[in-house]
Each structure stands twice: as structure tokens, then as C-alpha cells.
PDB file of all heavy atoms in Angstrom:
ATOM      1  N   GLU A   1       0.827  -1.180   0.017  1.00  0.00           N
ATOM      2  CA  GLU A   1      -0.054   0.033  -0.002  1.00  0.00           C
ATOM      3  C   GLU A   1       0.889   1.242   0.003  1.00  0.00           C
ATOM      4  O   GLU A   1       0.625   2.264  -0.741  1.00  0.00           O
ATOM      5  CB  GLU A   1      -0.903  -0.021   1.230  1.00  0.00           C
ATOM      6  CG  GLU A   1      -1.822   1.245   1.262  1.00  0.00           C
ATOM      7  CD  GLU A   1      -2.670   1.157   2.557  1.00  0.00           C
ATOM      8  OE1 GLU A   1      -2.819   0.081   3.190  1.00  0.00           O
ATOM      9  OE2 GLU A   1      -3.194   2.246   2.938  1.00  0.00           O
ATOM     10  N   PHE A   2       1.984   1.201   0.733  1.00  0.00           N
ATOM     11  CA  PHE A   2       2.927   2.348   0.805  1.00  0.00           C
ATOM     12  C   PHE A   2       3.449   2.547  -0.611  1.00  0.00           C
ATOM     13  O   PHE A   2       3.618   3.722  -1.027  1.00  0.00           O
ATOM     14  CB  PHE A   2       4.083   2.060   1.728  1.00  0.00           C
ATOM     15  CG  PHE A   2       3.786   2.329   3.176  1.00  0.00           C
ATOM     16  CD1 PHE A   2       2.434   2.575   3.609  1.00  0.00           C
ATOM     17  CD2 PHE A   2       4.746   2.293   4.191  1.00  0.00           C
ATOM     18  CE1 PHE A   2       2.155   2.815   4.945  1.00  0.00           C
ATOM     19  CE2 PHE A   2       4.466   2.532   5.492  1.00  0.00           C
ATOM     20  CZ  PHE A   2       3.198   2.807   5.859  1.00  0.00           C
ATOM     21  N   GLU A   3       3.785   1.490  -1.274  1.00  0.00           N
ATOM     22  CA  GLU A   3       4.393   1.614  -2.588  1.00  0.00           C
ATOM     23  C   GLU A   3       3.330   2.237  -3.588  1.00  0.00           C
ATOM     24  O   GLU A   3       3.681   3.108  -4.380  1.00  0.00           O
ATOM     25  CB  GLU A   3       4.778   0.202  -3.222  1.00  0.00           C
ATOM     26  CG  GLU A   3       5.397   0.301  -4.555  1.00  0.00           C
ATOM     27  CD  GLU A   3       5.613  -1.153  -5.084  1.00  0.00           C
ATOM     28  OE1 GLU A   3       4.973  -2.139  -4.598  1.00  0.00           O
ATOM     29  OE2 GLU A   3       6.362  -1.260  -6.016  1.00  0.00           O
ATOM     30  N   ASP A   4       2.113   1.837  -3.471  1.00  0.00           N
ATOM     31  CA  ASP A   4       1.071   2.445  -4.324  1.00  0.00           C
ATOM     32  C   ASP A   4       0.907   3.886  -4.141  1.00  0.00           C
ATOM     33  O   ASP A   4       0.519   4.610  -5.015  1.00  0.00           O
ATOM     34  CB  ASP A   4      -0.296   1.689  -4.095  1.00  0.00           C
ATOM     35  CG  ASP A   4      -0.222   0.238  -4.581  1.00  0.00           C
ATOM     36  OD1 ASP A   4       0.615  -0.084  -5.388  1.00  0.00           O
ATOM     37  OD2 ASP A   4      -1.113  -0.517  -4.113  1.00  0.00           O
ATOM     38  N   ARG A   5       1.179   4.324  -2.890  1.00  0.00           N
ATOM     39  CA  ARG A   5       1.024   5.754  -2.531  1.00  0.00           C
ATOM     40  C   ARG A   5       2.291   6.540  -2.736  1.00  0.00           C
ATOM     41  O   ARG A   5       2.375   7.768  -2.409  1.00  0.00           O
ATOM     42  CB  ARG A   5       0.542   5.831  -1.074  1.00  0.00           C
ATOM     43  CG  ARG A   5      -0.836   5.304  -0.779  1.00  0.00           C
ATOM     44  CD  ARG A   5      -1.225   5.552   0.627  1.00  0.00           C
ATOM     45  NE  ARG A   5      -2.588   4.999   0.918  1.00  0.00           N
ATOM     46  CZ  ARG A   5      -3.225   5.167   2.103  1.00  0.00           C
ATOM     47  NH1 ARG A   5      -2.620   5.825   3.056  1.00  0.00           N
ATOM     48  NH2 ARG A   5      -4.438   4.643   2.247  1.00  0.00           N
ATOM     49  N   GLY A   6       3.348   5.852  -3.095  1.00  0.00           N
ATOM     50  CA  GLY A   6       4.671   6.517  -3.303  1.00  0.00           C
ATOM     51  C   GLY A   6       5.418   6.774  -2.078  1.00  0.00           C
ATOM     52  O   GLY A   6       6.384   7.509  -2.024  1.00  0.00           O
ATOM     53  N   ARG A   7       5.038   6.118  -1.007  1.00  0.00           N
ATOM     54  CA  ARG A   7       5.769   6.255   0.260  1.00  0.00           C
ATOM     55  C   ARG A   7       6.956   5.313   0.403  1.00  0.00           C
ATOM     56  O   ARG A   7       7.823   5.622   1.242  1.00  0.00           O
ATOM     57  CB  ARG A   7       4.854   5.968   1.500  1.00  0.00           C
ATOM     58  CG  ARG A   7       3.706   6.987   1.650  1.00  0.00           C
ATOM     59  CD  ARG A   7       2.747   6.648   2.734  1.00  0.00           C
ATOM     60  NE  ARG A   7       3.470   6.572   4.053  1.00  0.00           N
ATOM     61  CZ  ARG A   7       2.763   6.339   5.199  1.00  0.00           C
ATOM     62  NH1 ARG A   7       1.425   6.100   5.170  1.00  0.00           N
ATOM     63  NH2 ARG A   7       3.411   6.276   6.329  1.00  0.00           N
ATOM     64  N   CYS A   8       7.104   4.312  -0.397  1.00  0.00           N
ATOM     65  CA  CYS A   8       8.278   3.483  -0.435  1.00  0.00           C
ATOM     66  C   CYS A   8       8.341   2.853  -1.782  1.00  0.00           C
ATOM     67  O   CYS A   8       7.553   3.018  -2.705  1.00  0.00           O
ATOM     68  CB  CYS A   8       8.260   2.391   0.634  1.00  0.00           C
ATOM     69  SG  CYS A   8       7.071   1.015   0.298  1.00  0.00           S
ATOM     70  N   ARG A   9       9.540   2.209  -2.016  1.00  0.00           N
ATOM     71  CA  ARG A   9       9.782   1.525  -3.353  1.00  0.00           C
ATOM     72  C   ARG A   9      10.202   0.101  -3.159  1.00  0.00           C
ATOM     73  O   ARG A   9      10.751  -0.263  -2.155  1.00  0.00           O
ATOM     74  CB  ARG A   9      10.861   2.309  -4.145  1.00  0.00           C
ATOM     75  CG  ARG A   9      10.517   3.723  -4.320  1.00  0.00           C
ATOM     76  CD  ARG A   9      11.684   4.560  -4.908  1.00  0.00           C
ATOM     77  NE  ARG A   9      12.069   4.060  -6.227  1.00  0.00           N
ATOM     78  CZ  ARG A   9      13.048   4.675  -7.021  1.00  0.00           C
ATOM     79  NH1 ARG A   9      13.626   5.733  -6.495  1.00  0.00           N
ATOM     80  NH2 ARG A   9      13.261   4.229  -8.243  1.00  0.00           N
ATOM     81  N   ARG A  10       9.781  -0.765  -4.160  1.00  0.00           N
ATOM     82  CA  ARG A  10      10.089  -2.105  -4.079  1.00  0.00           C
ATOM     83  C   ARG A  10      11.115  -2.490  -5.246  1.00  0.00           C
ATOM     84  O   ARG A  10      10.982  -1.864  -6.305  1.00  0.00           O
ATOM     85  CB  ARG A  10       8.842  -2.988  -4.276  1.00  0.00           C
ATOM     86  CG  ARG A  10       9.091  -4.417  -4.337  1.00  0.00           C
ATOM     87  CD  ARG A  10       7.879  -5.325  -4.172  1.00  0.00           C
ATOM     88  NE  ARG A  10       6.659  -4.745  -4.708  1.00  0.00           N
ATOM     89  CZ  ARG A  10       5.523  -5.272  -4.678  1.00  0.00           C
ATOM     90  NH1 ARG A  10       5.365  -6.490  -4.028  1.00  0.00           N
ATOM     91  NH2 ARG A  10       4.405  -4.696  -5.151  1.00  0.00           N
ATOM     92  N   GLY A  11      12.087  -3.336  -4.936  1.00  0.00           N
ATOM     93  CA  GLY A  11      13.001  -3.745  -5.963  1.00  0.00           C
ATOM     94  C   GLY A  11      14.018  -4.747  -5.471  1.00  0.00           C
ATOM     95  O   GLY A  11      13.900  -5.196  -4.363  1.00  0.00           O
ATOM     96  N   TYR A  12      14.963  -5.097  -6.377  1.00  0.00           N
ATOM     97  CA  TYR A  12      15.990  -6.044  -6.082  1.00  0.00           C
ATOM     98  C   TYR A  12      17.213  -5.281  -5.586  1.00  0.00           C
ATOM     99  O   TYR A  12      18.175  -5.132  -6.316  1.00  0.00           O
ATOM    100  CB  TYR A  12      16.378  -6.913  -7.314  1.00  0.00           C
ATOM    101  CG  TYR A  12      15.280  -7.899  -7.667  1.00  0.00           C
ATOM    102  CD1 TYR A  12      14.231  -7.505  -8.582  1.00  0.00           C
ATOM    103  CD2 TYR A  12      15.274  -9.196  -7.161  1.00  0.00           C
ATOM    104  CE1 TYR A  12      13.294  -8.446  -8.917  1.00  0.00           C
ATOM    105  CE2 TYR A  12      14.316 -10.078  -7.525  1.00  0.00           C
ATOM    106  CZ  TYR A  12      13.271  -9.698  -8.402  1.00  0.00           C
ATOM    107  OH  TYR A  12      12.331 -10.565  -8.740  1.00  0.00           O
ATOM    108  N   PHE A  13      17.160  -4.808  -4.415  1.00  0.00           N
ATOM    109  CA  PHE A  13      18.205  -3.941  -3.846  1.00  0.00           C
ATOM    110  C   PHE A  13      19.402  -4.770  -3.365  1.00  0.00           C
ATOM    111  O   PHE A  13      20.542  -4.369  -3.547  1.00  0.00           O
ATOM    112  CB  PHE A  13      17.721  -3.086  -2.739  1.00  0.00           C
ATOM    113  CG  PHE A  13      16.534  -2.244  -3.124  1.00  0.00           C
ATOM    114  CD1 PHE A  13      15.295  -2.459  -2.505  1.00  0.00           C
ATOM    115  CD2 PHE A  13      16.544  -1.287  -4.102  1.00  0.00           C
ATOM    116  CE1 PHE A  13      14.186  -1.664  -2.830  1.00  0.00           C
ATOM    117  CE2 PHE A  13      15.478  -0.546  -4.530  1.00  0.00           C
ATOM    118  CZ  PHE A  13      14.289  -0.706  -3.833  1.00  0.00           C
ATOM    119  N   VAL A  14      19.159  -5.968  -2.836  1.00  0.00           N
ATOM    120  CA  VAL A  14      20.238  -6.822  -2.313  1.00  0.00           C
ATOM    121  C   VAL A  14      20.109  -8.153  -3.061  1.00  0.00           C
ATOM    122  O   VAL A  14      19.077  -8.798  -3.155  1.00  0.00           O
ATOM    123  CB  VAL A  14      20.018  -7.070  -0.780  1.00  0.00           C
ATOM    124  CG1 VAL A  14      21.198  -7.967  -0.244  1.00  0.00           C
ATOM    125  CG2 VAL A  14      20.058  -5.803   0.016  1.00  0.00           C
ATOM    126  N   ASP A  15      21.192  -8.524  -3.693  1.00  0.00           N
ATOM    127  CA  ASP A  15      21.230  -9.781  -4.494  1.00  0.00           C
ATOM    128  C   ASP A  15      20.828 -10.954  -3.602  1.00  0.00           C
ATOM    129  O   ASP A  15      21.188 -11.051  -2.413  1.00  0.00           O
ATOM    130  CB  ASP A  15      22.665  -9.968  -5.039  1.00  0.00           C
ATOM    131  CG  ASP A  15      22.927  -9.075  -6.151  1.00  0.00           C
ATOM    132  OD1 ASP A  15      22.033  -8.394  -6.643  1.00  0.00           O
ATOM    133  OD2 ASP A  15      24.182  -8.891  -6.466  1.00  0.00           O
ATOM    134  N   SER A  16      20.109 -11.873  -4.235  1.00  0.00           N
ATOM    135  CA  SER A  16      19.782 -13.185  -3.738  1.00  0.00           C
ATOM    136  C   SER A  16      18.674 -13.172  -2.648  1.00  0.00           C
ATOM    137  O   SER A  16      18.339 -14.180  -2.059  1.00  0.00           O
ATOM    138  CB  SER A  16      20.996 -13.884  -3.073  1.00  0.00           C
ATOM    139  OG  SER A  16      21.325 -13.400  -1.851  1.00  0.00           O
ATOM    140  N   LEU A  17      18.093 -11.990  -2.421  1.00  0.00           N
ATOM    141  CA  LEU A  17      17.078 -11.867  -1.370  1.00  0.00           C
ATOM    142  C   LEU A  17      15.620 -11.739  -1.999  1.00  0.00           C
ATOM    143  O   LEU A  17      14.690 -11.420  -1.280  1.00  0.00           O
ATOM    144  CB  LEU A  17      17.391 -10.696  -0.442  1.00  0.00           C
ATOM    145  CG  LEU A  17      18.607 -10.822   0.409  1.00  0.00           C
ATOM    146  CD1 LEU A  17      18.692  -9.722   1.406  1.00  0.00           C
ATOM    147  CD2 LEU A  17      18.619 -12.148   1.194  1.00  0.00           C
ATOM    148  N   GLY A  18      15.479 -11.966  -3.295  1.00  0.00           N
ATOM    149  CA  GLY A  18      14.231 -11.924  -3.914  1.00  0.00           C
ATOM    150  C   GLY A  18      13.722 -10.488  -4.163  1.00  0.00           C
ATOM    151  O   GLY A  18      14.355  -9.529  -3.905  1.00  0.00           O
ATOM    152  N   GLY A  19      12.477 -10.421  -4.663  1.00  0.00           N
ATOM    153  CA  GLY A  19      11.920  -9.123  -5.026  1.00  0.00           C
ATOM    154  C   GLY A  19      11.075  -8.420  -3.938  1.00  0.00           C
ATOM    155  O   GLY A  19      10.680  -7.376  -4.172  1.00  0.00           O
ATOM    156  N   ALA A  20      10.857  -9.162  -2.823  1.00  0.00           N
ATOM    157  CA  ALA A  20      10.121  -8.550  -1.755  1.00  0.00           C
ATOM    158  C   ALA A  20      10.959  -7.784  -0.842  1.00  0.00           C
ATOM    159  O   ALA A  20      11.088  -8.020   0.355  1.00  0.00           O
ATOM    160  CB  ALA A  20       9.315  -9.672  -0.962  1.00  0.00           C
ATOM    161  N   GLN A  21      11.616  -6.726  -1.465  1.00  0.00           N
ATOM    162  CA  GLN A  21      12.463  -5.824  -0.684  1.00  0.00           C
ATOM    163  C   GLN A  21      11.871  -4.419  -0.826  1.00  0.00           C
ATOM    164  O   GLN A  21      11.491  -4.005  -1.975  1.00  0.00           O
ATOM    165  CB  GLN A  21      13.847  -5.823  -1.181  1.00  0.00           C
ATOM    166  CG  GLN A  21      14.530  -7.203  -1.167  1.00  0.00           C
ATOM    167  CD  GLN A  21      15.905  -7.172  -1.685  1.00  0.00           C
ATOM    168  OE1 GLN A  21      16.722  -6.269  -1.447  1.00  0.00           O
ATOM    169  NE2 GLN A  21      16.179  -8.160  -2.652  1.00  0.00           N
ATOM    170  N   PHE A  22      11.853  -3.691   0.281  1.00  0.00           N
ATOM    171  CA  PHE A  22      11.221  -2.341   0.265  1.00  0.00           C
ATOM    172  C   PHE A  22      12.198  -1.348   0.821  1.00  0.00           C
ATOM    173  O   PHE A  22      12.985  -1.630   1.760  1.00  0.00           O
ATOM    174  CB  PHE A  22       9.893  -2.392   1.019  1.00  0.00           C
ATOM    175  CG  PHE A  22       8.816  -3.254   0.465  1.00  0.00           C
ATOM    176  CD1 PHE A  22       8.776  -4.552   0.813  1.00  0.00           C
ATOM    177  CD2 PHE A  22       7.884  -2.780  -0.346  1.00  0.00           C
ATOM    178  CE1 PHE A  22       7.798  -5.423   0.336  1.00  0.00           C
ATOM    179  CE2 PHE A  22       6.891  -3.558  -0.950  1.00  0.00           C
ATOM    180  CZ  PHE A  22       6.810  -4.854  -0.621  1.00  0.00           C
ATOM    181  N   SER A  23      12.189  -0.179   0.285  1.00  0.00           N
ATOM    182  CA  SER A  23      13.038   0.911   0.772  1.00  0.00           C
ATOM    183  C   SER A  23      12.438   2.256   0.402  1.00  0.00           C
ATOM    184  O   SER A  23      11.307   2.294  -0.207  1.00  0.00           O
ATOM    185  CB  SER A  23      14.371   0.803   0.179  1.00  0.00           C
ATOM    186  OG  SER A  23      15.286   1.734   0.781  1.00  0.00           O
ATOM    187  N   THR A  24      13.039   3.294   0.949  1.00  0.00           N
ATOM    188  CA  THR A  24      12.526   4.671   0.575  1.00  0.00           C
ATOM    189  C   THR A  24      13.376   5.266  -0.574  1.00  0.00           C
ATOM    190  O   THR A  24      14.452   4.766  -0.893  1.00  0.00           O
ATOM    191  CB  THR A  24      12.593   5.543   1.841  1.00  0.00           C
ATOM    192  OG1 THR A  24      14.008   5.652   2.248  1.00  0.00           O
ATOM    193  CG2 THR A  24      11.767   5.048   2.995  1.00  0.00           C
ATOM    194  N   THR A  25      12.856   6.290  -1.103  1.00  0.00           N
ATOM    195  CA  THR A  25      13.567   6.981  -2.236  1.00  0.00           C
ATOM    196  C   THR A  25      14.944   7.489  -1.837  1.00  0.00           C
ATOM    197  O   THR A  25      15.913   7.319  -2.617  1.00  0.00           O
ATOM    198  CB  THR A  25      12.754   8.153  -2.766  1.00  0.00           C
ATOM    199  OG1 THR A  25      11.480   7.554  -3.240  1.00  0.00           O
ATOM    200  CG2 THR A  25      13.441   8.833  -3.940  1.00  0.00           C
ATOM    201  N   ASP A  26      15.059   8.031  -0.619  1.00  0.00           N
ATOM    202  CA  ASP A  26      16.311   8.510  -0.179  1.00  0.00           C
ATOM    203  C   ASP A  26      17.408   7.387  -0.112  1.00  0.00           C
ATOM    204  O   ASP A  26      18.522   7.544  -0.511  1.00  0.00           O
ATOM    205  CB  ASP A  26      16.224   9.187   1.145  1.00  0.00           C
ATOM    206  CG  ASP A  26      15.460  10.500   1.074  1.00  0.00           C
ATOM    207  OD1 ASP A  26      15.310  11.088  -0.073  1.00  0.00           O
ATOM    208  OD2 ASP A  26      14.954  11.061   2.142  1.00  0.00           O
ATOM    209  N   VAL A  27      16.927   6.281   0.466  1.00  0.00           N
ATOM    210  CA  VAL A  27      17.917   5.132   0.558  1.00  0.00           C
ATOM    211  C   VAL A  27      18.302   4.574  -0.782  1.00  0.00           C
ATOM    212  O   VAL A  27      19.509   4.242  -1.005  1.00  0.00           O
ATOM    213  CB  VAL A  27      17.335   4.044   1.442  1.00  0.00           C
ATOM    214  CG1 VAL A  27      18.234   2.772   1.478  1.00  0.00           C
ATOM    215  CG2 VAL A  27      17.111   4.584   2.877  1.00  0.00           C
ATOM    216  N   VAL A  28      17.345   4.483  -1.709  1.00  0.00           N
ATOM    217  CA  VAL A  28      17.648   4.015  -3.034  1.00  0.00           C
ATOM    218  C   VAL A  28      18.683   4.869  -3.748  1.00  0.00           C
ATOM    219  O   VAL A  28      19.568   4.406  -4.406  1.00  0.00           O
ATOM    220  CB  VAL A  28      16.364   3.859  -3.880  1.00  0.00           C
ATOM    221  CG1 VAL A  28      16.675   3.505  -5.332  1.00  0.00           C
ATOM    222  CG2 VAL A  28      15.426   2.799  -3.263  1.00  0.00           C
ATOM    223  N   ASP A  29      18.505   6.219  -3.650  1.00  0.00           N
ATOM    224  CA  ASP A  29      19.421   7.174  -4.183  1.00  0.00           C
ATOM    225  C   ASP A  29      20.824   7.017  -3.548  1.00  0.00           C
ATOM    226  O   ASP A  29      21.862   7.066  -4.265  1.00  0.00           O
ATOM    227  CB  ASP A  29      18.952   8.591  -3.914  1.00  0.00           C
ATOM    228  CG  ASP A  29      17.740   8.975  -4.840  1.00  0.00           C
ATOM    229  OD1 ASP A  29      17.513   8.143  -5.766  1.00  0.00           O
ATOM    230  OD2 ASP A  29      17.059   9.952  -4.457  1.00  0.00           O
ATOM    231  N   ARG A  30      20.880   6.669  -2.245  1.00  0.00           N
ATOM    232  CA  ARG A  30      22.215   6.490  -1.635  1.00  0.00           C
ATOM    233  C   ARG A  30      22.816   5.179  -2.115  1.00  0.00           C
ATOM    234  O   ARG A  30      24.093   5.178  -2.374  1.00  0.00           O
ATOM    235  CB  ARG A  30      22.061   6.425  -0.161  1.00  0.00           C
ATOM    236  CG  ARG A  30      21.730   7.801   0.552  1.00  0.00           C
ATOM    237  CD  ARG A  30      21.649   7.599   2.044  1.00  0.00           C
ATOM    238  NE  ARG A  30      23.043   7.291   2.579  1.00  0.00           N
ATOM    239  CZ  ARG A  30      23.265   6.999   3.795  1.00  0.00           C
ATOM    240  NH1 ARG A  30      22.295   7.013   4.726  1.00  0.00           N
ATOM    241  NH2 ARG A  30      24.499   6.717   4.219  1.00  0.00           N
TER     242      ARG A  30
END
């Protein structure tokens, strides 16, 4: 729900941990 509202983002940020990873825009930019 946060992702739908733009409050967080989902992606493959850490290898081998699957796609169910969530973070914020600031952390993704870092």
C-alpha cells in the first residue's frame, strides 16, 4: 500500500534476497 501511494519503493536492492524488498527513495538514491 505504501508503494502504491509513493511512500516506499520495491526492488532487487540486495542480491539473492528476492523481489520482496522495500526501501525509501532517499535510501535507493544512496
